[in-house]
Amino acid sequence: MNDVLVTIRMPSPLVKRLNSLCEKNFYMDLSEQIRDVLNKKFLEHENQKSNATKKSSNKKELAYMLERNEQLLRELKESLRNLK
């Protein structure tokens, strides 16, 4: 894996807040703190995409099950009519 150097410009109040987080989280420098924040945000984004895909799949499954249940209900009603 190749490392890539990225330069970021940010306002000084943000840098101060990040530096205080570095101390709180026991990071050696600001770059570690920024990597941690980016990794967490990336994972959140990936989880949201994954959940959206699962929801779409679940909707299809529910629609199929509903259609199947309605078909079974029609068949049961037809069977009841035939018994009478």
PDB file of N, CA and C in Angstrom:
ATOM      1  N   MET A   1       0.847  -1.172   0.000  1.00  0.00           N
ATOM      2  CA  MET A   1       0.000   0.000   0.000  1.00  0.00           C
ATOM      3  C   MET A   1       0.891   1.233   0.000  1.00  0.00           C
ATOM      4  N   ASN A   2       0.623   2.134  -0.926  1.00  0.00           N
ATOM      5  CA  ASN A   2       1.401   3.362  -1.012  1.00  0.00           C
ATOM      6  C   ASN A   2       0.750   4.443  -0.167  1.00  0.00           C
ATOM      7  N   ASP A   3       1.575   5.185   0.539  1.00  0.00           N
ATOM      8  CA  ASP A   3       1.064   6.317   1.304  1.00  0.00           C
ATOM      9  C   ASP A   3       0.943   7.520   0.387  1.00  0.00           C
ATOM     10  N   VAL A   4      -0.065   8.326   0.650  1.00  0.00           N
ATOM     11  CA  VAL A   4      -0.287   9.537  -0.123  1.00  0.00           C
ATOM     12  C   VAL A   4      -0.303  10.707   0.843  1.00  0.00           C
ATOM     13  N   LEU A   5       0.386  11.756   0.478  1.00  0.00           N
ATOM     14  CA  LEU A   5       0.433  12.944   1.305  1.00  0.00           C
ATOM     15  C   LEU A   5      -0.690  13.880   0.871  1.00  0.00           C
ATOM     16  N   VAL A   6      -1.504  14.304   1.836  1.00  0.00           N
ATOM     17  CA  VAL A   6      -2.614  15.203   1.560  1.00  0.00           C
ATOM     18  C   VAL A   6      -2.434  16.447   2.413  1.00  0.00           C
ATOM     19  N   THR A   7      -2.597  17.608   1.794  1.00  0.00           N
ATOM     20  CA  THR A   7      -2.502  18.868   2.519  1.00  0.00           C
ATOM     21  C   THR A   7      -3.901  19.423   2.707  1.00  0.00           C
ATOM     22  N   ILE A   8      -4.192  19.857   3.934  1.00  0.00           N
ATOM     23  CA  ILE A   8      -5.520  20.382   4.252  1.00  0.00           C
ATOM     24  C   ILE A   8      -5.376  21.783   4.839  1.00  0.00           C
ATOM     25  N   ARG A   9      -6.178  22.691   4.340  1.00  0.00           N
ATOM     26  CA  ARG A   9      -6.244  24.029   4.930  1.00  0.00           C
ATOM     27  C   ARG A   9      -7.512  24.077   5.770  1.00  0.00           C
ATOM     28  N   MET A  10      -7.387  24.587   7.000  1.00  0.00           N
ATOM     29  CA  MET A  10      -8.552  24.694   7.863  1.00  0.00           C
ATOM     30  C   MET A  10      -8.385  25.888   8.797  1.00  0.00           C
ATOM     31  N   PRO A  11      -9.507  26.381   9.270  1.00  0.00           N
ATOM     32  CA  PRO A  11      -9.436  27.540  10.166  1.00  0.00           C
ATOM     33  C   PRO A  11      -8.743  27.182  11.484  1.00  0.00           C
ATOM     34  N   SER A  12      -8.081  28.161  12.059  1.00  0.00           N
ATOM     35  CA  SER A  12      -7.321  27.906  13.288  1.00  0.00           C
ATOM     36  C   SER A  12      -8.184  27.435  14.459  1.00  0.00           C
ATOM     37  N   PRO A  13      -9.454  27.915  14.621  1.00  0.00           N
ATOM     38  CA  PRO A  13     -10.260  27.365  15.719  1.00  0.00           C
ATOM     39  C   PRO A  13     -10.502  25.859  15.581  1.00  0.00           C
ATOM     40  N   LEU A  14     -10.651  25.399  14.354  1.00  0.00           N
ATOM     41  CA  LEU A  14     -10.835  23.968  14.128  1.00  0.00           C
ATOM     42  C   LEU A  14      -9.565  23.198  14.487  1.00  0.00           C
ATOM     43  N   VAL A  15      -8.427  23.758  14.131  1.00  0.00           N
ATOM     44  CA  VAL A  15      -7.150  23.120  14.464  1.00  0.00           C
ATOM     45  C   VAL A  15      -6.998  23.025  15.980  1.00  0.00           C
ATOM     46  N   LYS A  16      -7.368  24.079  16.686  1.00  0.00           N
ATOM     47  CA  LYS A  16      -7.273  24.064  18.149  1.00  0.00           C
ATOM     48  C   LYS A  16      -8.175  22.969  18.732  1.00  0.00           C
ATOM     49  N   ARG A  17      -9.387  22.864  18.202  1.00  0.00           N
ATOM     50  CA  ARG A  17     -10.309  21.819  18.693  1.00  0.00           C
ATOM     51  C   ARG A  17      -9.758  20.429  18.408  1.00  0.00           C
ATOM     52  N   LEU A  18      -9.221  20.253  17.220  1.00  0.00           N
ATOM     53  CA  LEU A  18      -8.643  18.948  16.871  1.00  0.00           C
ATOM     54  C   LEU A  18      -7.425  18.636  17.742  1.00  0.00           C
ATOM     55  N   ASN A  19      -6.617  19.631  18.018  1.00  0.00           N
ATOM     56  CA  ASN A  19      -5.460  19.421  18.890  1.00  0.00           C
ATOM     57  C   ASN A  19      -5.892  19.019  20.300  1.00  0.00           C
ATOM     58  N   SER A  20      -6.974  19.612  20.774  1.00  0.00           N
ATOM     59  CA  SER A  20      -7.456  19.218  22.102  1.00  0.00           C
ATOM     60  C   SER A  20      -7.983  17.782  22.076  1.00  0.00           C
ATOM     61  N   LEU A  21      -8.592  17.396  20.963  1.00  0.00           N
ATOM     62  CA  LEU A  21      -9.019  16.000  20.816  1.00  0.00           C
ATOM     63  C   LEU A  21      -7.825  15.052  20.769  1.00  0.00           C
ATOM     64  N   CYS A  22      -6.750  15.487  20.137  1.00  0.00           N
ATOM     65  CA  CYS A  22      -5.525  14.664  20.081  1.00  0.00           C
ATOM     66  C   CYS A  22      -5.062  14.334  21.488  1.00  0.00           C
ATOM     67  N   GLU A  23      -5.034  15.336  22.326  1.00  0.00           N
ATOM     68  CA  GLU A  23      -4.592  15.109  23.711  1.00  0.00           C
ATOM     69  C   GLU A  23      -5.561  14.187  24.439  1.00  0.00           C
ATOM     70  N   LYS A  24      -6.846  14.447  24.245  1.00  0.00           N
ATOM     71  CA  LYS A  24      -7.861  13.643  24.922  1.00  0.00           C
ATOM     72  C   LYS A  24      -7.804  12.186  24.484  1.00  0.00           C
ATOM     73  N   ASN A  25      -7.591  11.960  23.181  1.00  0.00           N
ATOM     74  CA  ASN A  25      -7.588  10.602  22.626  1.00  0.00           C
ATOM     75  C   ASN A  25      -6.193   9.972  22.587  1.00  0.00           C
ATOM     76  N   PHE A  26      -5.207  10.683  23.128  1.00  0.00           N
ATOM     77  CA  PHE A  26      -3.833  10.181  23.221  1.00  0.00           C
ATOM     78  C   PHE A  26      -3.197   9.909  21.857  1.00  0.00           C
ATOM     79  N   TYR A  27      -3.461  10.783  20.885  1.00  0.00           N
ATOM     80  CA  TYR A  27      -2.796  10.669  19.588  1.00  0.00           C
ATOM     81  C   TYR A  27      -1.487  11.439  19.631  1.00  0.00           C
ATOM     82  N   MET A  28      -0.547  10.992  18.829  1.00  0.00           N
ATOM     83  CA  MET A  28       0.761  11.640  18.800  1.00  0.00           C
ATOM     84  C   MET A  28       0.708  12.998  18.100  1.00  0.00           C
ATOM     85  N   ASP A  29      -0.089  13.069  17.032  1.00  0.00           N
ATOM     86  CA  ASP A  29      -0.164  14.339  16.302  1.00  0.00           C
ATOM     87  C   ASP A  29      -1.534  14.511  15.650  1.00  0.00           C
ATOM     88  N   LEU A  30      -1.694  15.641  15.020  1.00  0.00           N
ATOM     89  CA  LEU A  30      -2.973  16.006  14.402  1.00  0.00           C
ATOM     90  C   LEU A  30      -3.349  15.059  13.266  1.00  0.00           C
ATOM     91  N   SER A  31      -2.372  14.580  12.539  1.00  0.00           N
ATOM     92  CA  SER A  31      -2.675  13.696  11.402  1.00  0.00           C
ATOM     93  C   SER A  31      -3.358  12.411  11.847  1.00  0.00           C
ATOM     94  N   GLU A  32      -2.952  11.865  12.985  1.00  0.00           N
ATOM     95  CA  GLU A  32      -3.615  10.658  13.495  1.00  0.00           C
ATOM     96  C   GLU A  32      -5.077  10.939  13.833  1.00  0.00           C
ATOM     97  N   GLN A  33      -5.310  12.085  14.448  1.00  0.00           N
ATOM     98  CA  GLN A  33      -6.683  12.455  14.808  1.00  0.00           C
ATOM     99  C   GLN A  33      -7.545  12.620  13.552  1.00  0.00           C
ATOM    100  N   ILE A  34      -7.000  13.268  12.550  1.00  0.00           N
ATOM    101  CA  ILE A  34      -7.755  13.482  11.302  1.00  0.00           C
ATOM    102  C   ILE A  34      -8.029  12.149  10.611  1.00  0.00           C
ATOM    103  N   ARG A  35      -7.041  11.252  10.579  1.00  0.00           N
ATOM    104  CA  ARG A  35      -7.264   9.922   9.982  1.00  0.00           C
ATOM    105  C   ARG A  35      -8.364   9.177  10.718  1.00  0.00           C
ATOM    106  N   ASP A  36      -8.375   9.287  12.042  1.00  0.00           N
ATOM    107  CA  ASP A  36      -9.408   8.615  12.826  1.00  0.00           C
ATOM    108  C   ASP A  36     -10.792   9.155  12.483  1.00  0.00           C
ATOM    109  N   VAL A  37     -10.923  10.466  12.417  1.00  0.00           N
ATOM    110  CA  VAL A  37     -12.210  11.082  12.084  1.00  0.00           C
ATOM    111  C   VAL A  37     -12.653  10.672  10.681  1.00  0.00           C
ATOM    112  N   LEU A  38     -11.723  10.708   9.736  1.00  0.00           N
ATOM    113  CA  LEU A  38     -12.055  10.323   8.358  1.00  0.00           C
ATOM    114  C   LEU A  38     -12.463   8.857   8.262  1.00  0.00           C
ATOM    115  N   ASN A  39     -11.747   7.996   8.961  1.00  0.00           N
ATOM    116  CA  ASN A  39     -12.098   6.565   8.941  1.00  0.00           C
ATOM    117  C   ASN A  39     -13.497   6.335   9.503  1.00  0.00           C
ATOM    118  N   LYS A  40     -13.810   7.009  10.606  1.00  0.00           N
ATOM    119  CA  LYS A  40     -15.145   6.846  11.203  1.00  0.00           C
ATOM    120  C   LYS A  40     -16.234   7.332  10.252  1.00  0.00           C
ATOM    121  N   LYS A  41     -16.018   8.485   9.637  1.00  0.00           N
ATOM    122  CA  LYS A  41     -17.012   9.011   8.695  1.00  0.00           C
ATOM    123  C   LYS A  41     -17.154   8.107   7.482  1.00  0.00           C
ATOM    124  N   PHE A  42     -16.050   7.575   7.004  1.00  0.00           N
ATOM    125  CA  PHE A  42     -16.095   6.658   5.868  1.00  0.00           C
ATOM    126  C   PHE A  42     -16.909   5.414   6.209  1.00  0.00           C
ATOM    127  N   LEU A  43     -16.658   4.845   7.392  1.00  0.00           N
ATOM    128  CA  LEU A  43     -17.396   3.653   7.811  1.00  0.00           C
ATOM    129  C   LEU A  43     -18.884   3.950   7.983  1.00  0.00           C
ATOM    130  N   GLU A  44     -19.221   5.121   8.516  1.00  0.00           N
ATOM    131  CA  GLU A  44     -20.633   5.515   8.625  1.00  0.00           C
ATOM    132  C   GLU A  44     -21.275   5.558   7.250  1.00  0.00           C
ATOM    133  N   HIS A  45     -20.569   6.146   6.298  1.00  0.00           N
ATOM    134  CA  HIS A  45     -21.087   6.256   4.935  1.00  0.00           C
ATOM    135  C   HIS A  45     -21.289   4.869   4.317  1.00  0.00           C
ATOM    136  N   GLU A  46     -20.320   3.993   4.484  1.00  0.00           N
ATOM    137  CA  GLU A  46     -20.424   2.636   3.949  1.00  0.00           C
ATOM    138  C   GLU A  46     -21.590   1.885   4.587  1.00  0.00           C
ATOM    139  N   ASN A  47     -21.769   2.055   5.897  1.00  0.00           N
ATOM    140  CA  ASN A  47     -22.878   1.396   6.594  1.00  0.00           C
ATOM    141  C   ASN A  47     -24.219   1.915   6.102  1.00  0.00           C
ATOM    142  N   GLN A  48     -24.310   3.208   5.840  1.00  0.00           N
ATOM    143  CA  GLN A  48     -25.560   3.773   5.320  1.00  0.00           C
ATOM    144  C   GLN A  48     -25.875   3.195   3.951  1.00  0.00           C
ATOM    145  N   LYS A  49     -24.858   3.093   3.091  1.00  0.00           N
ATOM    146  CA  LYS A  49     -25.080   2.499   1.772  1.00  0.00           C
ATOM    147  C   LYS A  49     -25.520   1.058   1.905  1.00  0.00           C
ATOM    148  N   SER A  50     -24.874   0.323   2.789  1.00  0.00           N
ATOM    149  CA  SER A  50     -25.210  -1.077   3.002  1.00  0.00           C
ATOM    150  C   SER A  50     -26.641  -1.220   3.519  1.00  0.00           C
ATOM    151  N   ASN A  51     -27.017  -0.377   4.474  1.00  0.00           N
ATOM    152  CA  ASN A  51     -28.371  -0.423   5.023  1.00  0.00           C
ATOM    153  C   ASN A  51     -29.411  -0.064   3.973  1.00  0.00           C
ATOM    154  N   ALA A  52     -29.096   0.898   3.101  1.00  0.00           N
ATOM    155  CA  ALA A  52     -30.031   1.271   2.039  1.00  0.00           C
ATOM    156  C   ALA A  52     -30.248   0.095   1.095  1.00  0.00           C
ATOM    157  N   THR A  53     -29.182  -0.625   0.788  1.00  0.00           N
ATOM    158  CA  THR A  53     -29.291  -1.800  -0.083  1.00  0.00           C
ATOM    159  C   THR A  53     -30.134  -2.880   0.583  1.00  0.00           C
ATOM    160  N   LYS A  54     -29.907  -3.089   1.881  1.00  0.00           N
ATOM    161  CA  LYS A  54     -30.680  -4.093   2.613  1.00  0.00           C
ATOM    162  C   LYS A  54     -32.151  -3.722   2.661  1.00  0.00           C
ATOM    163  N   LYS A  55     -32.445  -2.431   2.874  1.00  0.00           N
ATOM    164  CA  LYS A  55     -33.840  -1.991   2.937  1.00  0.00           C
ATOM    165  C   LYS A  55     -34.533  -2.223   1.603  1.00  0.00           C
ATOM    166  N   SER A  56     -33.817  -1.927   0.519  1.00  0.00           N
ATOM    167  CA  SER A  56     -34.383  -2.147  -0.810  1.00  0.00           C
ATOM    168  C   SER A  56     -34.684  -3.620  -1.015  1.00  0.00           C
ATOM    169  N   SER A  57     -33.765  -4.467  -0.614  1.00  0.00           N
ATOM    170  CA  SER A  57     -33.955  -5.912  -0.739  1.00  0.00           C
ATOM    171  C   SER A  57     -35.109  -6.375   0.139  1.00  0.00           C
ATOM    172  N   ASN A  58     -35.195  -5.832   1.359  1.00  0.00           N
ATOM    173  CA  ASN A  58     -36.271  -6.194   2.274  1.00  0.00           C
ATOM    174  C   ASN A  58     -37.625  -5.788   1.714  1.00  0.00           C
ATOM    175  N   LYS A  59     -37.700  -4.631   1.059  1.00  0.00           N
ATOM    176  CA  LYS A  59     -38.962  -4.177   0.467  1.00  0.00           C
ATOM    177  C   LYS A  59     -39.422  -5.155  -0.619  1.00  0.00           C
ATOM    178  N   LYS A  60     -38.469  -5.619  -1.426  1.00  0.00           N
ATOM    179  CA  LYS A  60     -38.810  -6.579  -2.480  1.00  0.00           C
ATOM    180  C   LYS A  60     -39.317  -7.884  -1.874  1.00  0.00           C
ATOM    181  N   GLU A  61     -38.651  -8.335  -0.810  1.00  0.00           N
ATOM    182  CA  GLU A  61     -39.066  -9.570  -0.153  1.00  0.00           C
ATOM    183  C   GLU A  61     -40.455  -9.413   0.457  1.00  0.00           C
ATOM    184  N   LEU A  62     -40.703  -8.271   1.102  1.00  0.00           N
ATOM    185  CA  LEU A  62     -42.007  -8.030   1.706  1.00  0.00           C
ATOM    186  C   LEU A  62     -43.108  -7.966   0.650  1.00  0.00           C
ATOM    187  N   ALA A  63     -42.809  -7.316  -0.476  1.00  0.00           N
ATOM    188  CA  ALA A  63     -43.790  -7.235  -1.554  1.00  0.00           C
ATOM    189  C   ALA A  63     -44.114  -8.634  -2.080  1.00  0.00           C
ATOM    190  N   TYR A  64     -43.094  -9.468  -2.242  1.00  0.00           N
ATOM    191  CA  TYR A  64     -43.310 -10.836  -2.708  1.00  0.00           C
ATOM    192  C   TYR A  64     -44.145 -11.613  -1.705  1.00  0.00           C
ATOM    193  N   MET A  65     -43.811 -11.484  -0.411  1.00  0.00           N
ATOM    194  CA  MET A  65     -44.557 -12.208   0.616  1.00  0.00           C
ATOM    195  C   MET A  65     -46.013 -11.746   0.665  1.00  0.00           C
ATOM    196  N   LEU A  66     -46.241 -10.455   0.525  1.00  0.00           N
ATOM    197  CA  LEU A  66     -47.601  -9.933   0.527  1.00  0.00           C
ATOM    198  C   LEU A  66     -48.384 -10.479  -0.660  1.00  0.00           C
ATOM    199  N   GLU A  67     -47.761 -10.475  -1.818  1.00  0.00           N
ATOM    200  CA  GLU A  67     -48.413 -11.008  -3.014  1.00  0.00           C
ATOM    201  C   GLU A  67     -48.727 -12.492  -2.840  1.00  0.00           C
ATOM    202  N   ARG A  68     -47.786 -13.228  -2.284  1.00  0.00           N
ATOM    203  CA  ARG A  68     -47.988 -14.677  -2.058  1.00  0.00           C
ATOM    204  C   ARG A  68     -49.114 -14.919  -1.054  1.00  0.00           C
ATOM    205  N   ASN A  69     -49.153 -14.122   0.029  1.00  0.00           N
ATOM    206  CA  ASN A  69     -50.221 -14.270   1.021  1.00  0.00           C
ATOM    207  C   ASN A  69     -51.589 -13.957   0.425  1.00  0.00           C
ATOM    208  N   GLU A  70     -51.642 -12.942  -0.419  1.00  0.00           N
ATOM    209  CA  GLU A  70     -52.915 -12.613  -1.065  1.00  0.00           C
ATOM    210  C   GLU A  70     -53.355 -13.742  -1.989  1.00  0.00           C
ATOM    211  N   GLN A  71     -52.411 -14.345  -2.682  1.00  0.00           N
ATOM    212  CA  GLN A  71     -52.730 -15.469  -3.567  1.00  0.00           C
ATOM    213  C   GLN A  71     -53.258 -16.651  -2.742  1.00  0.00           C
ATOM    214  N   LEU A  72     -52.618 -16.945  -1.629  1.00  0.00           N
ATOM    215  CA  LEU A  72     -53.075 -18.038  -0.770  1.00  0.00           C
ATOM    216  C   LEU A  72     -54.464 -17.750  -0.209  1.00  0.00           C
ATOM    217  N   LEU A  73     -54.718 -16.517   0.154  1.00  0.00           N
ATOM    218  CA  LEU A  73     -56.030 -16.134   0.669  1.00  0.00           C
ATOM    219  C   LEU A  73     -57.108 -16.335  -0.395  1.00  0.00           C
ATOM    220  N   ARG A  74     -56.808 -15.950  -1.633  1.00  0.00           N
ATOM    221  CA  ARG A  74     -57.764 -16.166  -2.731  1.00  0.00           C
ATOM    222  C   ARG A  74     -58.033 -17.654  -2.917  1.00  0.00           C
ATOM    223  N   GLU A  75     -56.982 -18.456  -2.853  1.00  0.00           N
ATOM    224  CA  GLU A  75     -57.141 -19.904  -3.022  1.00  0.00           C
ATOM    225  C   GLU A  75     -57.970 -20.501  -1.883  1.00  0.00           C
ATOM    226  N   LEU A  76     -57.753 -20.034  -0.659  1.00  0.00           N
ATOM    227  CA  LEU A  76     -58.546 -20.523   0.477  1.00  0.00           C
ATOM    228  C   LEU A  76     -60.012 -20.151   0.337  1.00  0.00           C
ATOM    229  N   LYS A  77     -60.273 -18.928  -0.082  1.00  0.00           N
ATOM    230  CA  LYS A  77     -61.664 -18.498  -0.278  1.00  0.00           C
ATOM    231  C   LYS A  77     -62.333 -19.334  -1.357  1.00  0.00           C
ATOM    232  N   GLU A  78     -61.606 -19.608  -2.415  1.00  0.00           N
ATOM    233  CA  GLU A  78     -62.139 -20.429  -3.503  1.00  0.00           C
ATOM    234  C   GLU A  78     -62.445 -21.850  -2.988  1.00  0.00           C
ATOM    235  N   SER A  79     -61.548 -22.400  -2.170  1.00  0.00           N
ATOM    236  CA  SER A  79     -61.739 -23.726  -1.606  1.00  0.00           C
ATOM    237  C   SER A  79     -62.972 -23.743  -0.707  1.00  0.00           C
ATOM    238  N   LEU A  80     -63.151 -22.692   0.088  1.00  0.00           N
ATOM    239  CA  LEU A  80     -64.332 -22.608   0.965  1.00  0.00           C
ATOM    240  C   LEU A  80     -65.631 -22.553   0.145  1.00  0.00           C
ATOM    241  N   ARG A  81     -65.599 -21.799  -0.934  1.00  0.00           N
ATOM    242  CA  ARG A  81     -66.786 -21.719  -1.799  1.00  0.00           C
ATOM    243  C   ARG A  81     -67.113 -23.091  -2.393  1.00  0.00           C
ATOM    244  N   ASN A  82     -66.104 -23.841  -2.748  1.00  0.00           N
ATOM    245  CA  ASN A  82     -66.302 -25.162  -3.330  1.00  0.00           C
ATOM    246  C   ASN A  82     -66.836 -26.153  -2.310  1.00  0.00           C
ATOM    247  N   LEU A  83     -66.527 -25.958  -1.035  1.00  0.00           N
ATOM    248  CA  LEU A  83     -67.021 -26.851   0.001  1.00  0.00           C
ATOM    249  C   LEU A  83     -68.498 -26.636   0.278  1.00  0.00           C
ATOM    250  N   LYS A  84     -68.999 -25.454   0.077  1.00  0.00           N
ATOM    251  CA  LYS A  84     -70.399 -25.148   0.382  1.00  0.00           C
ATOM    252  C   LYS A  84     -71.337 -25.718  -0.607  1.00  0.00           C
TER     253      LYS A  84
END
